[in-house]
């Protein structure tokens, strides 16, 4: 009885190591949506920065005292 192997026999450990090296790529639509999400987030940050002078001062910087109704010394 003869056994012929073509392409060389791989051990299971080698096959697992090779499969971990291969990184699957996201689909074209997923990459497009990810890029769109990032660009919209950047634009939102630019708009917030541009109009930050119109926003109320941040009252959460005093450890939540404004939420609980306490006044803090400034």
PDB file of N, CA and C in Angstrom:
ATOM      1  N   UNK A   1       0.836  -1.158   0.000  1.00  0.00           N
ATOM      2  CA  UNK A   1       0.000   0.000   0.000  1.00  0.00           C
ATOM      3  C   UNK A   1       0.890   1.233   0.000  1.00  0.00           C
ATOM      4  N   UNK A   2       0.577   2.134  -0.926  1.00  0.00           N
ATOM      5  CA  UNK A   2       1.378   3.343  -1.060  1.00  0.00           C
ATOM      6  C   UNK A   2       0.499   4.570  -0.836  1.00  0.00           C
ATOM      7  N   UNK A   3       1.096   5.574  -0.210  1.00  0.00           N
ATOM      8  CA  UNK A   3       0.375   6.829   0.033  1.00  0.00           C
ATOM      9  C   UNK A   3       1.116   7.937  -0.688  1.00  0.00           C
ATOM     10  N   UNK A   4       0.403   8.661  -1.498  1.00  0.00           N
ATOM     11  CA  UNK A   4       1.011   9.780  -2.211  1.00  0.00           C
ATOM     12  C   UNK A   4       0.432  11.084  -1.664  1.00  0.00           C
ATOM     13  N   UNK A   5       1.310  11.991  -1.286  1.00  0.00           N
ATOM     14  CA  UNK A   5       0.846  13.301  -0.821  1.00  0.00           C
ATOM     15  C   UNK A   5       1.362  14.352  -1.790  1.00  0.00           C
ATOM     16  N   UNK A   6       0.522  15.269  -2.132  1.00  0.00           N
ATOM     17  CA  UNK A   6       0.898  16.336  -3.058  1.00  0.00           C
ATOM     18  C   UNK A   6       0.912  17.655  -2.304  1.00  0.00           C
ATOM     19  N   UNK A   7       1.964  18.407  -2.453  1.00  0.00           N
ATOM     20  CA  UNK A   7       2.070  19.694  -1.787  1.00  0.00           C
ATOM     21  C   UNK A   7       2.610  19.605  -0.375  1.00  0.00           C
ATOM     22  N   UNK A   8       2.992  18.472   0.058  1.00  0.00           N
ATOM     23  CA  UNK A   8       3.555  18.322   1.395  1.00  0.00           C
ATOM     24  C   UNK A   8       2.472  18.181   2.451  1.00  0.00           C
ATOM     25  N   UNK A   9       2.758  17.381   3.420  1.00  0.00           N
ATOM     26  CA  UNK A   9       1.792  17.177   4.506  1.00  0.00           C
ATOM     27  C   UNK A   9       2.034  18.239   5.571  1.00  0.00           C
ATOM     28  N   UNK A  10       0.951  18.814   6.039  1.00  0.00           N
ATOM     29  CA  UNK A  10       1.055  19.824   7.091  1.00  0.00           C
ATOM     30  C   UNK A  10       0.589  19.217   8.407  1.00  0.00           C
ATOM     31  N   UNK A  11       1.241  19.633   9.437  1.00  0.00           N
ATOM     32  CA  UNK A  11       0.778  19.222  10.758  1.00  0.00           C
ATOM     33  C   UNK A  11      -0.352  20.162  11.174  1.00  0.00           C
ATOM     34  N   UNK A  12      -1.236  19.718  12.018  1.00  0.00           N
ATOM     35  CA  UNK A  12      -2.338  20.587  12.446  1.00  0.00           C
ATOM     36  C   UNK A  12      -1.861  21.883  13.092  1.00  0.00           C
ATOM     37  N   UNK A  13      -0.761  21.848  13.834  1.00  0.00           N
ATOM     38  CA  UNK A  13      -0.246  23.059  14.479  1.00  0.00           C
ATOM     39  C   UNK A  13       0.189  24.077  13.430  1.00  0.00           C
ATOM     40  N   UNK A  14       0.791  23.616  12.352  1.00  0.00           N
ATOM     41  CA  UNK A  14       1.215  24.511  11.283  1.00  0.00           C
ATOM     42  C   UNK A  14       0.012  25.134  10.595  1.00  0.00           C
ATOM     43  N   UNK A  15      -1.011  24.344  10.367  1.00  0.00           N
ATOM     44  CA  UNK A  15      -2.217  24.857   9.718  1.00  0.00           C
ATOM     45  C   UNK A  15      -2.902  25.899  10.592  1.00  0.00           C
ATOM     46  N   UNK A  16      -2.932  25.690  11.888  1.00  0.00           N
ATOM     47  CA  UNK A  16      -3.542  26.660  12.798  1.00  0.00           C
ATOM     48  C   UNK A  16      -2.730  27.946  12.827  1.00  0.00           C
ATOM     49  N   UNK A  17      -1.404  27.827  12.863  1.00  0.00           N
ATOM     50  CA  UNK A  17      -0.552  29.009  12.883  1.00  0.00           C
ATOM     51  C   UNK A  17      -0.729  29.828  11.603  1.00  0.00           C
ATOM     52  N   UNK A  18      -0.866  29.149  10.463  1.00  0.00           N
ATOM     53  CA  UNK A  18      -1.056  29.857   9.206  1.00  0.00           C
ATOM     54  C   UNK A  18      -2.415  30.546   9.161  1.00  0.00           C
ATOM     55  N   UNK A  19      -3.431  29.903   9.723  1.00  0.00           N
ATOM     56  CA  UNK A  19      -4.763  30.509   9.699  1.00  0.00           C
ATOM     57  C   UNK A  19      -4.827  31.741  10.593  1.00  0.00           C
ATOM     58  N   UNK A  20      -4.036  31.787  11.645  1.00  0.00           N
ATOM     59  CA  UNK A  20      -4.016  32.961  12.520  1.00  0.00           C
ATOM     60  C   UNK A  20      -3.307  34.138  11.850  1.00  0.00           C
ATOM     61  N   UNK A  21      -2.367  33.858  10.971  1.00  0.00           N
ATOM     62  CA  UNK A  21      -1.636  34.925  10.289  1.00  0.00           C
ATOM     63  C   UNK A  21      -2.499  35.628   9.257  1.00  0.00           C
ATOM     64  N   UNK A  22      -3.432  34.909   8.680  1.00  0.00           N
ATOM     65  CA  UNK A  22      -4.275  35.470   7.633  1.00  0.00           C
ATOM     66  C   UNK A  22      -5.379  36.285   8.291  1.00  0.00           C
ATOM     67  N   UNK A  23      -5.411  37.577   7.995  1.00  0.00           N
ATOM     68  CA  UNK A  23      -6.426  38.451   8.572  1.00  0.00           C
ATOM     69  C   UNK A  23      -7.499  38.677   7.526  1.00  0.00           C
ATOM     70  N   UNK A  24      -8.717  38.423   7.926  1.00  0.00           N
ATOM     71  CA  UNK A  24      -9.804  38.611   6.978  1.00  0.00           C
ATOM     72  C   UNK A  24     -10.066  40.100   6.822  1.00  0.00           C
ATOM     73  N   UNK A  25     -10.368  40.484   5.612  1.00  0.00           N
ATOM     74  CA  UNK A  25     -10.605  41.880   5.305  1.00  0.00           C
ATOM     75  C   UNK A  25     -12.106  42.143   5.288  1.00  0.00           C
ATOM     76  N   UNK A  26     -12.475  43.304   5.790  1.00  0.00           N
ATOM     77  CA  UNK A  26     -13.891  43.660   5.803  1.00  0.00           C
ATOM     78  C   UNK A  26     -14.365  43.873   4.368  1.00  0.00           C
ATOM     79  N   UNK A  27     -15.648  43.723   4.180  1.00  0.00           N
ATOM     80  CA  UNK A  27     -16.209  43.894   2.846  1.00  0.00           C
ATOM     81  C   UNK A  27     -16.097  45.349   2.413  1.00  0.00           C
ATOM     82  N   UNK A  28     -16.290  45.573   1.140  1.00  0.00           N
ATOM     83  CA  UNK A  28     -16.206  46.924   0.591  1.00  0.00           C
ATOM     84  C   UNK A  28     -17.244  47.830   1.250  1.00  0.00           C
ATOM     85  N   UNK A  29     -18.452  47.344   1.427  1.00  0.00           N
ATOM     86  CA  UNK A  29     -19.507  48.144   2.046  1.00  0.00           C
ATOM     87  C   UNK A  29     -19.166  48.475   3.497  1.00  0.00           C
ATOM     88  N   UNK A  30     -18.624  47.515   4.237  1.00  0.00           N
ATOM     89  CA  UNK A  30     -18.264  47.744   5.635  1.00  0.00           C
ATOM     90  C   UNK A  30     -17.148  48.779   5.742  1.00  0.00           C
ATOM     91  N   UNK A  31     -16.158  48.703   4.855  1.00  0.00           N
ATOM     92  CA  UNK A  31     -15.078  49.693   4.863  1.00  0.00           C
ATOM     93  C   UNK A  31     -15.605  51.075   4.495  1.00  0.00           C
ATOM     94  N   UNK A  32     -16.540  51.138   3.531  1.00  0.00           N
ATOM     95  CA  UNK A  32     -17.140  52.407   3.141  1.00  0.00           C
ATOM     96  C   UNK A  32     -17.905  53.017   4.314  1.00  0.00           C
ATOM     97  N   UNK A  33     -18.711  52.208   4.995  1.00  0.00           N
ATOM     98  CA  UNK A  33     -19.499  52.717   6.112  1.00  0.00           C
ATOM     99  C   UNK A  33     -18.604  53.156   7.272  1.00  0.00           C
ATOM    100  N   UNK A  34     -17.522  52.441   7.497  1.00  0.00           N
ATOM    101  CA  UNK A  34     -16.579  52.823   8.549  1.00  0.00           C
ATOM    102  C   UNK A  34     -15.934  54.170   8.226  1.00  0.00           C
ATOM    103  N   UNK A  35     -15.525  54.354   6.987  1.00  0.00           N
ATOM    104  CA  UNK A  35     -14.946  55.628   6.567  1.00  0.00           C
ATOM    105  C   UNK A  35     -15.947  56.763   6.651  1.00  0.00           C
ATOM    106  N   UNK A  36     -17.178  56.490   6.266  1.00  0.00           N
ATOM    107  CA  UNK A  36     -18.234  57.505   6.343  1.00  0.00           C
ATOM    108  C   UNK A  36     -18.487  57.906   7.792  1.00  0.00           C
ATOM    109  N   UNK A  37     -18.513  56.931   8.677  1.00  0.00           N
ATOM    110  CA  UNK A  37     -18.735  57.194  10.098  1.00  0.00           C
ATOM    111  C   UNK A  37     -17.610  58.060  10.672  1.00  0.00           C
ATOM    112  N   UNK A  38     -16.370  57.738  10.312  1.00  0.00           N
ATOM    113  CA  UNK A  38     -15.222  58.512  10.806  1.00  0.00           C
ATOM    114  C   UNK A  38     -15.260  59.944  10.282  1.00  0.00           C
ATOM    115  N   UNK A  39     -15.594  60.107   9.009  1.00  0.00           N
ATOM    116  CA  UNK A  39     -15.612  61.455   8.442  1.00  0.00           C
ATOM    117  C   UNK A  39     -16.734  62.292   9.042  1.00  0.00           C
ATOM    118  N   UNK A  40     -17.899  61.681   9.299  1.00  0.00           N
ATOM    119  CA  UNK A  40     -19.001  62.419   9.916  1.00  0.00           C
ATOM    120  C   UNK A  40     -18.662  62.800  11.361  1.00  0.00           C
ATOM    121  N   UNK A  41     -17.955  61.934  12.068  1.00  0.00           N
ATOM    122  CA  UNK A  41     -17.543  62.237  13.432  1.00  0.00           C
ATOM    123  C   UNK A  41     -16.553  63.398  13.445  1.00  0.00           C
ATOM    124  N   UNK A  42     -15.611  63.396  12.503  1.00  0.00           N
ATOM    125  CA  UNK A  42     -14.655  64.505  12.408  1.00  0.00           C
ATOM    126  C   UNK A  42     -15.371  65.816  12.101  1.00  0.00           C
ATOM    127  N   UNK A  43     -16.323  65.780  11.198  1.00  0.00           N
ATOM    128  CA  UNK A  43     -17.079  66.991  10.848  1.00  0.00           C
ATOM    129  C   UNK A  43     -17.875  67.481  12.054  1.00  0.00           C
ATOM    130  N   UNK A  44     -18.481  66.568  12.801  1.00  0.00           N
ATOM    131  CA  UNK A  44     -19.240  66.967  13.993  1.00  0.00           C
ATOM    132  C   UNK A  44     -18.323  67.628  15.014  1.00  0.00           C
ATOM    133  N   UNK A  45     -17.135  67.094  15.204  1.00  0.00           N
ATOM    134  CA  UNK A  45     -16.180  67.703  16.142  1.00  0.00           C
ATOM    135  C   UNK A  45     -15.752  69.083  15.684  1.00  0.00           C
ATOM    136  N   UNK A  46     -15.564  69.256  14.361  1.00  0.00           N
ATOM    137  CA  UNK A  46     -15.201  70.581  13.840  1.00  0.00           C
ATOM    138  C   UNK A  46     -16.317  71.587  14.071  1.00  0.00           C
ATOM    139  N   UNK A  47     -17.557  71.166  13.863  1.00  0.00           N
ATOM    140  CA  UNK A  47     -18.693  72.068  14.061  1.00  0.00           C
ATOM    141  C   UNK A  47     -18.830  72.439  15.534  1.00  0.00           C
ATOM    142  N   UNK A  48     -18.662  71.466  16.421  1.00  0.00           N
ATOM    143  CA  UNK A  48     -18.738  71.748  17.857  1.00  0.00           C
ATOM    144  C   UNK A  48     -17.633  72.719  18.259  1.00  0.00           C
ATOM    145  N   UNK A  49     -16.439  72.514  17.751  1.00  0.00           N
ATOM    146  CA  UNK A  49     -15.320  73.403  18.062  1.00  0.00           C
ATOM    147  C   UNK A  49     -15.585  74.807  17.527  1.00  0.00           C
ATOM    148  N   UNK A  50     -16.122  74.888  16.318  1.00  0.00           N
ATOM    149  CA  UNK A  50     -16.385  76.183  15.690  1.00  0.00           C
ATOM    150  C   UNK A  50     -17.421  76.985  16.470  1.00  0.00           C
ATOM    151  N   UNK A  51     -18.417  76.297  17.026  1.00  0.00           N
ATOM    152  CA  UNK A  51     -19.502  76.981  17.725  1.00  0.00           C
ATOM    153  C   UNK A  51     -19.445  76.796  19.241  1.00  0.00           C
ATOM    154  N   UNK A  52     -18.299  76.439  19.774  1.00  0.00           N
ATOM    155  CA  UNK A  52     -18.189  76.169  21.210  1.00  0.00           C
ATOM    156  C   UNK A  52     -18.441  77.417  22.044  1.00  0.00           C
ATOM    157  N   UNK A  53     -18.250  78.597  21.481  1.00  0.00           N
ATOM    158  CA  UNK A  53     -18.491  79.823  22.242  1.00  0.00           C
ATOM    159  C   UNK A  53     -19.979  80.021  22.541  1.00  0.00           C
ATOM    160  N   UNK A  54     -20.848  79.315  21.848  1.00  0.00           N
ATOM    161  CA  UNK A  54     -22.289  79.425  22.070  1.00  0.00           C
ATOM    162  C   UNK A  54     -22.808  78.431  23.106  1.00  0.00           C
ATOM    163  N   UNK A  55     -21.976  77.493  23.488  1.00  0.00           N
ATOM    164  CA  UNK A  55     -22.412  76.446  24.415  1.00  0.00           C
ATOM    165  C   UNK A  55     -22.257  76.909  25.858  1.00  0.00           C
ATOM    166  N   UNK A  56     -23.088  76.354  26.734  1.00  0.00           N
ATOM    167  CA  UNK A  56     -23.004  76.662  28.156  1.00  0.00           C
ATOM    168  C   UNK A  56     -21.714  76.098  28.726  1.00  0.00           C
ATOM    169  N   UNK A  57     -21.204  76.719  29.789  1.00  0.00           N
ATOM    170  CA  UNK A  57     -19.988  76.165  30.407  1.00  0.00           C
ATOM    171  C   UNK A  57     -20.247  74.759  30.936  1.00  0.00           C
ATOM    172  N   UNK A  58     -19.221  73.970  30.964  1.00  0.00           N
ATOM    173  CA  UNK A  58     -19.349  72.591  31.411  1.00  0.00           C
ATOM    174  C   UNK A  58     -19.502  72.560  32.926  1.00  0.00           C
ATOM    175  N   UNK A  59     -20.660  72.128  33.390  1.00  0.00           N
ATOM    176  CA  UNK A  59     -20.927  72.091  34.835  1.00  0.00           C
ATOM    177  C   UNK A  59     -20.559  70.755  35.451  1.00  0.00           C
ATOM    178  N   UNK A  60     -20.124  69.803  34.651  1.00  0.00           N
ATOM    179  CA  UNK A  60     -19.773  68.487  35.198  1.00  0.00           C
ATOM    180  C   UNK A  60     -18.330  68.418  35.669  1.00  0.00           C
ATOM    181  N   UNK A  61     -17.561  69.468  35.496  1.00  0.00           N
ATOM    182  CA  UNK A  61     -16.157  69.443  35.903  1.00  0.00           C
ATOM    183  C   UNK A  61     -15.987  69.559  37.415  1.00  0.00           C
ATOM    184  N   UNK A  62     -17.057  69.881  38.134  1.00  0.00           N
ATOM    185  CA  UNK A  62     -16.960  70.031  39.586  1.00  0.00           C
ATOM    186  C   UNK A  62     -17.414  68.766  40.319  1.00  0.00           C
ATOM    187  N   UNK A  63     -17.101  67.622  39.769  1.00  0.00           N
ATOM    188  CA  UNK A  63     -17.374  66.311  40.371  1.00  0.00           C
ATOM    189  C   UNK A  63     -18.853  66.046  40.588  1.00  0.00           C
ATOM    190  N   UNK A  64     -19.721  66.585  39.761  1.00  0.00           N
ATOM    191  CA  UNK A  64     -21.133  66.286  39.842  1.00  0.00           C
ATOM    192  C   UNK A  64     -21.885  67.066  40.892  1.00  0.00           C
ATOM    193  N   UNK A  65     -21.290  68.077  41.509  1.00  0.00           N
ATOM    194  CA  UNK A  65     -21.966  68.846  42.546  1.00  0.00           C
ATOM    195  C   UNK A  65     -23.185  69.570  41.985  1.00  0.00           C
ATOM    196  N   UNK A  66     -23.118  70.029  40.746  1.00  0.00           N
ATOM    197  CA  UNK A  66     -24.247  70.740  40.141  1.00  0.00           C
ATOM    198  C   UNK A  66     -25.422  69.795  39.927  1.00  0.00           C
ATOM    199  N   UNK A  67     -25.148  68.538  39.683  1.00  0.00           N
ATOM    200  CA  UNK A  67     -26.221  67.570  39.473  1.00  0.00           C
ATOM    201  C   UNK A  67     -26.965  67.317  40.778  1.00  0.00           C
ATOM    202  N   UNK A  68     -26.243  67.276  41.889  1.00  0.00           N
ATOM    203  CA  UNK A  68     -26.847  66.989  43.179  1.00  0.00           C
ATOM    204  C   UNK A  68     -27.433  68.238  43.826  1.00  0.00           C
ATOM    205  N   UNK A  69     -27.298  69.396  43.237  1.00  0.00           N
ATOM    206  CA  UNK A  69     -27.870  70.614  43.770  1.00  0.00           C
ATOM    207  C   UNK A  69     -26.970  71.346  44.755  1.00  0.00           C
ATOM    208  N   UNK A  70     -25.740  70.912  44.932  1.00  0.00           N
ATOM    209  CA  UNK A  70     -24.829  71.585  45.843  1.00  0.00           C
ATOM    210  C   UNK A  70     -24.039  72.649  45.092  1.00  0.00           C
ATOM    211  N   UNK A  71     -23.677  73.671  45.791  1.00  0.00           N
ATOM    212  CA  UNK A  71     -22.819  74.708  45.210  1.00  0.00           C
ATOM    213  C   UNK A  71     -21.389  74.448  45.642  1.00  0.00           C
ATOM    214  N   UNK A  72     -20.469  74.749  44.764  1.00  0.00           N
ATOM    215  CA  UNK A  72     -19.060  74.570  45.084  1.00  0.00           C
ATOM    216  C   UNK A  72     -18.399  75.928  45.077  1.00  0.00           C
ATOM    217  N   UNK A  73     -17.329  76.046  45.861  1.00  0.00           N
ATOM    218  CA  UNK A  73     -16.572  77.304  45.900  1.00  0.00           C
ATOM    219  C   UNK A  73     -15.685  77.367  44.687  1.00  0.00           C
ATOM    220  N   UNK A  74     -15.622  78.517  44.094  1.00  0.00           N
ATOM    221  CA  UNK A  74     -14.756  78.693  42.912  1.00  0.00           C
ATOM    222  C   UNK A  74     -13.641  79.631  43.206  1.00  0.00           C
TER     223      UNK A  74
END
